[in-house]
């Protein structure tokens, strides 16, 4: 439950998350439930073109779902 409350306090903030298996993730926590944290990853590169393969103005915003049980550390960045 500690991971749940920590993630709730950091909701809508940029964080770096380290998991038990050594994976690192950076992004903004957009949601938290009793089992998962939902992270919008940082953009690697911003496109300056108005044309996208899916039409004008389309924005692809993936979310990463991480189990709260795999979290080892969370830090603000």
PDB file of N, CA and C in Angstrom:
ATOM      1  N   UNK A   1       0.805  -1.200   0.000  1.00  0.00           N
ATOM      2  CA  UNK A   1       0.000   0.000   0.000  1.00  0.00           C
ATOM      3  C   UNK A   1       0.847   1.264   0.000  1.00  0.00           C
ATOM      4  N   UNK A   2       2.085   1.176   0.466  1.00  0.00           N
ATOM      5  CA  UNK A   2       2.950   2.354   0.460  1.00  0.00           C
ATOM      6  C   UNK A   2       3.187   2.877  -0.952  1.00  0.00           C
ATOM      7  N   UNK A   3       3.389   1.967  -1.916  1.00  0.00           N
ATOM      8  CA  UNK A   3       3.604   2.382  -3.302  1.00  0.00           C
ATOM      9  C   UNK A   3       2.372   3.096  -3.840  1.00  0.00           C
ATOM     10  N   UNK A   4       1.190   2.620  -3.488  1.00  0.00           N
ATOM     11  CA  UNK A   4      -0.050   3.251  -3.933  1.00  0.00           C
ATOM     12  C   UNK A   4      -0.130   4.690  -3.430  1.00  0.00           C
ATOM     13  N   UNK A   5       0.092   4.905  -2.147  1.00  0.00           N
ATOM     14  CA  UNK A   5       0.000   6.249  -1.579  1.00  0.00           C
ATOM     15  C   UNK A   5       1.105   7.166  -2.104  1.00  0.00           C
ATOM     16  N   UNK A   6       2.296   6.630  -2.316  1.00  0.00           N
ATOM     17  CA  UNK A   6       3.382   7.429  -2.895  1.00  0.00           C
ATOM     18  C   UNK A   6       3.018   7.884  -4.302  1.00  0.00           C
ATOM     19  N   UNK A   7       2.481   6.972  -5.098  1.00  0.00           N
ATOM     20  CA  UNK A   7       2.094   7.324  -6.465  1.00  0.00           C
ATOM     21  C   UNK A   7       0.941   8.323  -6.481  1.00  0.00           C
ATOM     22  N   UNK A   8       0.001   8.181  -5.563  1.00  0.00           N
ATOM     23  CA  UNK A   8      -1.115   9.130  -5.497  1.00  0.00           C
ATOM     24  C   UNK A   8      -0.613  10.549  -5.202  1.00  0.00           C
ATOM     25  N   UNK A   9       0.380  10.667  -4.336  1.00  0.00           N
ATOM     26  CA  UNK A   9       0.937  11.980  -4.007  1.00  0.00           C
ATOM     27  C   UNK A   9       1.703  12.579  -5.175  1.00  0.00           C
ATOM     28  N   UNK A  10       2.208  11.732  -6.082  1.00  0.00           N
ATOM     29  CA  UNK A  10       3.008  12.205  -7.201  1.00  0.00           C
ATOM     30  C   UNK A  10       2.220  12.263  -8.511  1.00  0.00           C
ATOM     31  N   UNK A  11       0.917  12.095  -8.432  1.00  0.00           N
ATOM     32  CA  UNK A  11       0.074  12.135  -9.621  1.00  0.00           C
ATOM     33  C   UNK A  11       0.213  13.484 -10.321  1.00  0.00           C
ATOM     34  N   UNK A  12       0.293  13.447 -11.658  1.00  0.00           N
ATOM     35  CA  UNK A  12       0.459  14.628 -12.523  1.00  0.00           C
ATOM     36  C   UNK A  12       1.820  15.294 -12.362  1.00  0.00           C
ATOM     37  N   UNK A  13       2.817  14.552 -11.906  1.00  0.00           N
ATOM     38  CA  UNK A  13       4.177  15.083 -11.760  1.00  0.00           C
ATOM     39  C   UNK A  13       5.143  14.193 -12.528  1.00  0.00           C
ATOM     40  N   UNK A  14       6.236  14.796 -12.998  1.00  0.00           N
ATOM     41  CA  UNK A  14       7.279  14.037 -13.702  1.00  0.00           C
ATOM     42  C   UNK A  14       8.080  13.234 -12.696  1.00  0.00           C
ATOM     43  N   UNK A  15       8.243  11.949 -13.001  1.00  0.00           N
ATOM     44  CA  UNK A  15       8.957  11.057 -12.105  1.00  0.00           C
ATOM     45  C   UNK A  15       9.876  10.131 -12.894  1.00  0.00           C
ATOM     46  N   UNK A  16      10.798   9.530 -12.183  1.00  0.00           N
ATOM     47  CA  UNK A  16      11.590   8.418 -12.695  1.00  0.00           C
ATOM     48  C   UNK A  16      11.248   7.229 -11.808  1.00  0.00           C
ATOM     49  N   UNK A  17      10.889   6.113 -12.426  1.00  0.00           N
ATOM     50  CA  UNK A  17      10.494   4.917 -11.693  1.00  0.00           C
ATOM     51  C   UNK A  17      11.495   3.805 -11.978  1.00  0.00           C
ATOM     52  N   UNK A  18      11.946   3.155 -10.934  1.00  0.00           N
ATOM     53  CA  UNK A  18      12.831   1.999 -11.033  1.00  0.00           C
ATOM     54  C   UNK A  18      12.067   0.781 -10.537  1.00  0.00           C
ATOM     55  N   UNK A  19      12.107  -0.314 -11.320  1.00  0.00           N
ATOM     56  CA  UNK A  19      11.398  -1.531 -10.939  1.00  0.00           C
ATOM     57  C   UNK A  19      12.379  -2.569 -10.389  1.00  0.00           C
ATOM     58  N   UNK A  20      11.835  -3.611  -9.776  1.00  0.00           N
ATOM     59  CA  UNK A  20      12.656  -4.665  -9.184  1.00  0.00           C
ATOM     60  C   UNK A  20      13.533  -5.372 -10.210  1.00  0.00           C
ATOM     61  N   UNK A  21      13.104  -5.433 -11.467  1.00  0.00           N
ATOM     62  CA  UNK A  21      13.900  -6.108 -12.489  1.00  0.00           C
ATOM     63  C   UNK A  21      14.918  -5.195 -13.169  1.00  0.00           C
ATOM     64  N   UNK A  22      15.101  -3.985 -12.641  1.00  0.00           N
ATOM     65  CA  UNK A  22      16.126  -3.071 -13.147  1.00  0.00           C
ATOM     66  C   UNK A  22      15.682  -2.130 -14.249  1.00  0.00           C
ATOM     67  N   UNK A  23      14.434  -2.180 -14.674  1.00  0.00           N
ATOM     68  CA  UNK A  23      13.929  -1.275 -15.706  1.00  0.00           C
ATOM     69  C   UNK A  23      13.740   0.125 -15.125  1.00  0.00           C
ATOM     70  N   UNK A  24      14.000   1.139 -15.964  1.00  0.00           N
ATOM     71  CA  UNK A  24      13.778   2.526 -15.558  1.00  0.00           C
ATOM     72  C   UNK A  24      12.796   3.171 -16.528  1.00  0.00           C
ATOM     73  N   UNK A  25      11.884   3.952 -15.987  1.00  0.00           N
ATOM     74  CA  UNK A  25      10.884   4.659 -16.780  1.00  0.00           C
ATOM     75  C   UNK A  25      10.833   6.106 -16.315  1.00  0.00           C
ATOM     76  N   UNK A  26      10.668   7.029 -17.292  1.00  0.00           N
ATOM     77  CA  UNK A  26      10.499   8.445 -16.970  1.00  0.00           C
ATOM     78  C   UNK A  26       9.220   8.931 -17.626  1.00  0.00           C
ATOM     79  N   UNK A  27       8.493   9.758 -16.894  1.00  0.00           N
ATOM     80  CA  UNK A  27       7.278  10.317 -17.449  1.00  0.00           C
ATOM     81  C   UNK A  27       6.417  10.939 -16.369  1.00  0.00           C
ATOM     82  N   UNK A  28       5.150  11.136 -16.712  1.00  0.00           N
ATOM     83  CA  UNK A  28       4.190  11.767 -15.809  1.00  0.00           C
ATOM     84  C   UNK A  28       3.176  10.709 -15.375  1.00  0.00           C
ATOM     85  N   UNK A  29       2.959  10.601 -14.074  1.00  0.00           N
ATOM     86  CA  UNK A  29       1.934   9.688 -13.558  1.00  0.00           C
ATOM     87  C   UNK A  29       0.573  10.311 -13.855  1.00  0.00           C
ATOM     88  N   UNK A  30      -0.244   9.608 -14.655  1.00  0.00           N
ATOM     89  CA  UNK A  30      -1.552  10.145 -15.020  1.00  0.00           C
ATOM     90  C   UNK A  30      -2.686   9.515 -14.234  1.00  0.00           C
ATOM     91  N   UNK A  31      -2.463   8.306 -13.700  1.00  0.00           N
ATOM     92  CA  UNK A  31      -3.515   7.665 -12.916  1.00  0.00           C
ATOM     93  C   UNK A  31      -2.902   6.565 -12.061  1.00  0.00           C
ATOM     94  N   UNK A  32      -3.591   6.223 -10.989  1.00  0.00           N
ATOM     95  CA  UNK A  32      -3.167   5.159 -10.093  1.00  0.00           C
ATOM     96  C   UNK A  32      -4.423   4.437  -9.620  1.00  0.00           C
ATOM     97  N   UNK A  33      -4.384   3.107  -9.630  1.00  0.00           N
ATOM     98  CA  UNK A  33      -5.450   2.346  -8.987  1.00  0.00           C
ATOM     99  C   UNK A  33      -4.805   1.408  -7.965  1.00  0.00           C
ATOM    100  N   UNK A  34      -5.575   0.515  -7.389  1.00  0.00           N
ATOM    101  CA  UNK A  34      -5.062  -0.331  -6.304  1.00  0.00           C
ATOM    102  C   UNK A  34      -3.975  -1.296  -6.754  1.00  0.00           C
ATOM    103  N   UNK A  35      -3.843  -1.546  -8.075  1.00  0.00           N
ATOM    104  CA  UNK A  35      -2.858  -2.509  -8.563  1.00  0.00           C
ATOM    105  C   UNK A  35      -1.827  -1.932  -9.507  1.00  0.00           C
ATOM    106  N   UNK A  36      -2.137  -0.830 -10.194  1.00  0.00           N
ATOM    107  CA  UNK A  36      -1.268  -0.313 -11.249  1.00  0.00           C
ATOM    108  C   UNK A  36      -1.051   1.191 -11.147  1.00  0.00           C
ATOM    109  N   UNK A  37       0.060   1.611 -11.744  1.00  0.00           N
ATOM    110  CA  UNK A  37       0.320   3.030 -11.958  1.00  0.00           C
ATOM    111  C   UNK A  37       0.409   3.225 -13.467  1.00  0.00           C
ATOM    112  N   UNK A  38      -0.195   4.307 -13.966  1.00  0.00           N
ATOM    113  CA  UNK A  38      -0.246   4.586 -15.392  1.00  0.00           C
ATOM    114  C   UNK A  38       0.641   5.787 -15.671  1.00  0.00           C
ATOM    115  N   UNK A  39       1.651   5.571 -16.516  1.00  0.00           N
ATOM    116  CA  UNK A  39       2.689   6.564 -16.760  1.00  0.00           C
ATOM    117  C   UNK A  39       2.662   6.987 -18.218  1.00  0.00           C
ATOM    118  N   UNK A  40       2.614   8.297 -18.478  1.00  0.00           N
ATOM    119  CA  UNK A  40       2.771   8.825 -19.831  1.00  0.00           C
ATOM    120  C   UNK A  40       4.255   9.112 -20.008  1.00  0.00           C
ATOM    121  N   UNK A  41       4.940   8.343 -20.857  1.00  0.00           N
ATOM    122  CA  UNK A  41       6.388   8.497 -20.988  1.00  0.00           C
ATOM    123  C   UNK A  41       6.767   9.840 -21.598  1.00  0.00           C
ATOM    124  N   UNK A  42       7.986  10.295 -21.265  1.00  0.00           N
ATOM    125  CA  UNK A  42       8.517  11.520 -21.857  1.00  0.00           C
ATOM    126  C   UNK A  42       8.641  11.340 -23.360  1.00  0.00           C
ATOM    127  N   UNK A  43       8.420  12.411 -24.089  1.00  0.00           N
ATOM    128  CA  UNK A  43       8.575  12.386 -25.539  1.00  0.00           C
ATOM    129  C   UNK A  43      10.055  12.349 -25.882  1.00  0.00           C
ATOM    130  N   UNK A  44      10.469  11.384 -26.690  1.00  0.00           N
ATOM    131  CA  UNK A  44      11.870  11.297 -27.115  1.00  0.00           C
ATOM    132  C   UNK A  44      12.199  12.416 -28.092  1.00  0.00           C
ATOM    133  N   UNK A  45      11.298  12.669 -29.018  1.00  0.00           N
ATOM    134  CA  UNK A  45      11.519  13.746 -29.980  1.00  0.00           C
ATOM    135  C   UNK A  45      10.172  14.310 -30.379  1.00  0.00           C
ATOM    136  N   UNK A  46      10.113  15.605 -30.514  1.00  0.00           N
ATOM    137  CA  UNK A  46       8.858  16.265 -30.907  1.00  0.00           C
ATOM    138  C   UNK A  46       8.850  16.469 -32.411  1.00  0.00           C
ATOM    139  N   UNK A  47       7.740  16.166 -33.032  1.00  0.00           N
ATOM    140  CA  UNK A  47       7.608  16.356 -34.467  1.00  0.00           C
ATOM    141  C   UNK A  47       7.191  17.797 -34.746  1.00  0.00           C
ATOM    142  N   UNK A  48       7.862  18.427 -35.712  1.00  0.00           N
ATOM    143  CA  UNK A  48       7.522  19.805 -36.054  1.00  0.00           C
ATOM    144  C   UNK A  48       6.619  19.868 -37.269  1.00  0.00           C
ATOM    145  N   UNK A  49       6.359  18.724 -37.891  1.00  0.00           N
ATOM    146  CA  UNK A  49       5.521  18.682 -39.078  1.00  0.00           C
ATOM    147  C   UNK A  49       4.049  18.657 -38.697  1.00  0.00           C
ATOM    148  N   UNK A  50       3.237  19.394 -39.457  1.00  0.00           N
ATOM    149  CA  UNK A  50       1.799  19.390 -39.212  1.00  0.00           C
ATOM    150  C   UNK A  50       1.155  18.142 -39.797  1.00  0.00           C
ATOM    151  N   UNK A  51       1.844  17.484 -40.750  1.00  0.00           N
ATOM    152  CA  UNK A  51       1.298  16.283 -41.371  1.00  0.00           C
ATOM    153  C   UNK A  51       1.750  15.054 -40.606  1.00  0.00           C
ATOM    154  N   UNK A  52       0.806  14.193 -40.286  1.00  0.00           N
ATOM    155  CA  UNK A  52       1.119  12.907 -39.668  1.00  0.00           C
ATOM    156  C   UNK A  52       0.481  11.816 -40.513  1.00  0.00           C
ATOM    157  N   UNK A  53       0.939  10.590 -40.390  1.00  0.00           N
ATOM    158  CA  UNK A  53       0.338   9.514 -41.194  1.00  0.00           C
ATOM    159  C   UNK A  53      -1.145   9.306 -40.903  1.00  0.00           C
ATOM    160  N   UNK A  54      -1.653   9.812 -39.791  1.00  0.00           N
ATOM    161  CA  UNK A  54      -3.042   9.608 -39.407  1.00  0.00           C
ATOM    162  C   UNK A  54      -3.898  10.839 -39.628  1.00  0.00           C
ATOM    163  N   UNK A  55      -3.344  11.853 -40.278  1.00  0.00           N
ATOM    164  CA  UNK A  55      -4.118  13.047 -40.540  1.00  0.00           C
ATOM    165  C   UNK A  55      -3.626  14.222 -39.711  1.00  0.00           C
ATOM    166  N   UNK A  56      -4.111  15.378 -40.035  1.00  0.00           N
ATOM    167  CA  UNK A  56      -3.685  16.606 -39.375  1.00  0.00           C
ATOM    168  C   UNK A  56      -4.132  16.626 -37.922  1.00  0.00           C
ATOM    169  N   UNK A  57      -3.216  16.952 -37.034  1.00  0.00           N
ATOM    170  CA  UNK A  57      -3.561  17.145 -35.639  1.00  0.00           C
ATOM    171  C   UNK A  57      -3.644  15.880 -34.809  1.00  0.00           C
ATOM    172  N   UNK A  58      -3.372  14.735 -35.376  1.00  0.00           N
ATOM    173  CA  UNK A  58      -3.435  13.492 -34.601  1.00  0.00           C
ATOM    174  C   UNK A  58      -2.250  13.417 -33.655  1.00  0.00           C
ATOM    175  N   UNK A  59      -2.504  13.092 -32.421  1.00  0.00           N
ATOM    176  CA  UNK A  59      -1.433  12.960 -31.427  1.00  0.00           C
ATOM    177  C   UNK A  59      -1.517  11.580 -30.800  1.00  0.00           C
ATOM    178  N   UNK A  60      -0.421  10.855 -30.828  1.00  0.00           N
ATOM    179  CA  UNK A  60      -0.369   9.519 -30.234  1.00  0.00           C
ATOM    180  C   UNK A  60       0.250   9.642 -28.852  1.00  0.00           C
ATOM    181  N   UNK A  61      -0.520   9.334 -27.831  1.00  0.00           N
ATOM    182  CA  UNK A  61      -0.065   9.426 -26.445  1.00  0.00           C
ATOM    183  C   UNK A  61      -0.150   8.063 -25.780  1.00  0.00           C
ATOM    184  N   UNK A  62       0.924   7.293 -25.851  1.00  0.00           N
ATOM    185  CA  UNK A  62       0.871   5.972 -25.222  1.00  0.00           C
ATOM    186  C   UNK A  62       0.950   6.079 -23.701  1.00  0.00           C
ATOM    187  N   UNK A  63       0.418   5.092 -23.020  1.00  0.00           N
ATOM    188  CA  UNK A  63       0.534   4.984 -21.572  1.00  0.00           C
ATOM    189  C   UNK A  63       1.244   3.682 -21.244  1.00  0.00           C
ATOM    190  N   UNK A  64       2.096   3.729 -20.240  1.00  0.00           N
ATOM    191  CA  UNK A  64       2.753   2.530 -19.744  1.00  0.00           C
ATOM    192  C   UNK A  64       2.051   2.153 -18.449  1.00  0.00           C
ATOM    193  N   UNK A  65       1.640   0.893 -18.353  1.00  0.00           N
ATOM    194  CA  UNK A  65       0.995   0.389 -17.148  1.00  0.00           C
ATOM    195  C   UNK A  65       2.009  -0.438 -16.370  1.00  0.00           C
ATOM    196  N   UNK A  66       2.284  -0.035 -15.136  1.00  0.00           N
ATOM    197  CA  UNK A  66       3.230  -0.751 -14.287  1.00  0.00           C
ATOM    198  C   UNK A  66       2.511  -1.254 -13.048  1.00  0.00           C
ATOM    199  N   UNK A  67       2.784  -2.483 -12.676  1.00  0.00           N
ATOM    200  CA  UNK A  67       2.205  -3.036 -11.463  1.00  0.00           C
ATOM    201  C   UNK A  67       2.849  -2.376 -10.249  1.00  0.00           C
ATOM    202  N   UNK A  68       2.043  -2.007  -9.279  1.00  0.00           N
ATOM    203  CA  UNK A  68       2.578  -1.398  -8.058  1.00  0.00           C
ATOM    204  C   UNK A  68       3.517  -2.345  -7.319  1.00  0.00           C
ATOM    205  N   UNK A  69       3.338  -3.655  -7.504  1.00  0.00           N
ATOM    206  CA  UNK A  69       4.168  -4.639  -6.797  1.00  0.00           C
ATOM    207  C   UNK A  69       5.578  -4.726  -7.366  1.00  0.00           C
ATOM    208  N   UNK A  70       5.802  -4.210  -8.594  1.00  0.00           N
ATOM    209  CA  UNK A  70       7.131  -4.274  -9.203  1.00  0.00           C
ATOM    210  C   UNK A  70       7.963  -3.026  -8.932  1.00  0.00           C
ATOM    211  N   UNK A  71       7.359  -1.990  -8.325  1.00  0.00           N
ATOM    212  CA  UNK A  71       8.072  -0.735  -8.123  1.00  0.00           C
ATOM    213  C   UNK A  71       9.095  -0.860  -7.009  1.00  0.00           C
ATOM    214  N   UNK A  72      10.300  -0.377  -7.284  1.00  0.00           N
ATOM    215  CA  UNK A  72      11.351  -0.374  -6.284  1.00  0.00           C
ATOM    216  C   UNK A  72      11.558   1.033  -5.741  1.00  0.00           C
ATOM    217  N   UNK A  73      11.584   2.032  -6.627  1.00  0.00           N
ATOM    218  CA  UNK A  73      11.809   3.412  -6.196  1.00  0.00           C
ATOM    219  C   UNK A  73      11.120   4.365  -7.155  1.00  0.00           C
ATOM    220  N   UNK A  74      10.690   5.521  -6.624  1.00  0.00           N
ATOM    221  CA  UNK A  74      10.088   6.590  -7.405  1.00  0.00           C
ATOM    222  C   UNK A  74      10.767   7.892  -6.978  1.00  0.00           C
ATOM    223  N   UNK A  75      11.214   8.666  -7.978  1.00  0.00           N
ATOM    224  CA  UNK A  75      11.866   9.940  -7.672  1.00  0.00           C
ATOM    225  C   UNK A  75      11.299  11.038  -8.549  1.00  0.00           C
ATOM    226  N   UNK A  76      11.125  12.218  -7.999  1.00  0.00           N
ATOM    227  CA  UNK A  76      10.729  13.386  -8.787  1.00  0.00           C
ATOM    228  C   UNK A  76      11.912  13.799  -9.657  1.00  0.00           C
ATOM    229  N   UNK A  77      11.598  14.227 -10.897  1.00  0.00           N
ATOM    230  CA  UNK A  77      12.655  14.770 -11.762  1.00  0.00           C
ATOM    231  C   UNK A  77      12.235  16.095 -12.312  1.00  0.00           C
TER     232      UNK A  77
END
